Amino acid sequence: MSNLLGAEFWPISSKSGENVENFFRRLAVLAFETGLANEVKESISRTHVELQHDSCKFSNALQYFVDALLFCASHIPYGIQK
C-alpha cells in the first residue's frame, strides 16, 4: 500500500519501542526538508528585507513543530509492557 501511495513504510511498535525513535527522527527531517524547500521557492522573488522577516517566521514555525514532535515522542511508551 505504501508503494501505491508513494510513501515510506515504517514498521513500528509502541509496545516494544521498535523503530519509534527512528520514525520520529525521519519525520522531523522530512518536515524540515519540505519546509526549507518551500521557503526557498517562495523567497526567490522577494527582497532582502522580506526574506529576513520570512526566515524569522519559518524559524518560529520550525521550533513549534520540533516541540510538538518532542511532546509526541515523550508520550509514546517505550519497552515491553506487561
Protein backbone atom coordinates (compact mmCIF):
# COMPACT_ATOMS: atom_id res chain seq x y z
CA MET A 1 0.00 0.00 0.00
CA SER A 2 2.82 2.43 0.83
CA ASN A 3 4.28 1.90 -2.66
CA LEU A 4 0.96 2.79 -4.27
CA LEU A 5 0.81 5.99 -2.24
CA GLY A 6 4.47 6.85 -2.82
CA ALA A 7 5.00 6.82 0.93
CA GLU A 8 7.67 5.34 3.14
CA PHE A 9 6.78 2.22 5.10
CA TRP A 10 7.86 2.19 8.72
CA PRO A 11 7.12 -0.91 10.80
CA ILE A 12 6.99 0.45 14.34
CA SER A 13 5.83 -0.90 17.66
CA SER A 14 4.80 1.20 20.61
CA LYS A 15 4.77 -1.98 22.67
CA SER A 16 8.42 -2.88 22.09
CA GLY A 17 9.61 0.60 21.06
CA GLU A 18 10.98 -0.80 17.79
CA ASN A 19 11.75 1.98 15.26
CA VAL A 20 9.73 4.59 17.18
CA GLU A 21 12.64 6.97 17.74
CA ASN A 22 13.95 6.49 14.18
CA PHE A 23 10.47 7.14 12.79
CA PHE A 24 10.13 10.45 14.64
CA ARG A 25 13.64 11.47 13.57
CA ARG A 26 12.77 10.72 9.93
CA LEU A 27 9.50 12.63 10.26
CA ALA A 28 11.36 15.66 11.60
CA VAL A 29 13.91 15.51 8.75
CA LEU A 30 11.18 15.24 6.10
CA ALA A 31 9.24 18.14 7.60
CA PHE A 32 12.36 20.28 7.79
CA GLU A 33 13.39 19.48 4.20
CA THR A 34 9.89 20.20 2.90
CA GLY A 35 9.61 23.43 4.85
CA LEU A 36 13.04 24.58 3.75
CA ALA A 37 12.35 23.75 0.09
CA ASN A 38 9.05 25.62 0.20
CA GLU A 39 10.70 28.60 1.88
CA VAL A 40 13.41 28.77 -0.78
CA LYS A 41 10.88 28.57 -3.62
CA GLU A 42 8.72 31.31 -2.11
CA SER A 43 11.67 33.56 -1.28
CA ILE A 44 13.36 33.66 -4.68
CA SER A 45 11.43 36.72 -5.86
CA ARG A 46 11.37 38.62 -2.54
CA THR A 47 13.61 41.46 -1.42
CA HIS A 48 16.29 41.07 1.25
CA VAL A 49 14.13 42.69 3.96
CA GLU A 50 11.18 40.41 3.22
CA LEU A 51 13.45 37.37 3.24
CA GLN A 52 14.77 38.22 6.71
CA HIS A 53 11.22 38.60 8.03
CA ASP A 54 10.13 35.28 6.49
CA SER A 55 13.12 33.36 7.83
CA CYS A 56 12.15 34.51 11.32
CA LYS A 57 8.59 33.22 10.78
CA PHE A 58 9.97 29.93 9.42
CA SER A 59 12.26 29.54 12.45
CA ASN A 60 9.29 30.05 14.78
CA ALA A 61 7.18 27.54 12.85
CA LEU A 62 10.02 25.02 12.81
CA GLN A 63 10.54 25.41 16.57
CA TYR A 64 6.80 24.86 17.15
CA PHE A 65 6.92 21.69 15.01
CA VAL A 66 10.01 20.32 16.79
CA ASP A 67 8.40 20.99 20.17
CA ALA A 68 5.27 19.15 19.03
CA LEU A 69 7.33 16.17 17.84
CA LEU A 70 9.25 16.00 21.09
CA PHE A 71 6.00 16.14 23.04
CA CYS A 72 4.54 13.27 20.98
CA ALA A 73 7.73 11.23 21.26
CA SER A 74 7.83 11.70 25.02
CA HIS A 75 4.29 10.31 25.36
CA ILE A 76 4.90 7.06 23.47
CA PRO A 77 5.54 4.17 25.81
CA TYR A 78 8.94 2.51 25.39
CA GLY A 79 9.83 -1.00 26.34
CA ILE A 80 7.70 -4.06 26.65
CA GLN A 81 4.63 -3.55 28.75
CA LYS A 82 3.18 -6.34 30.84
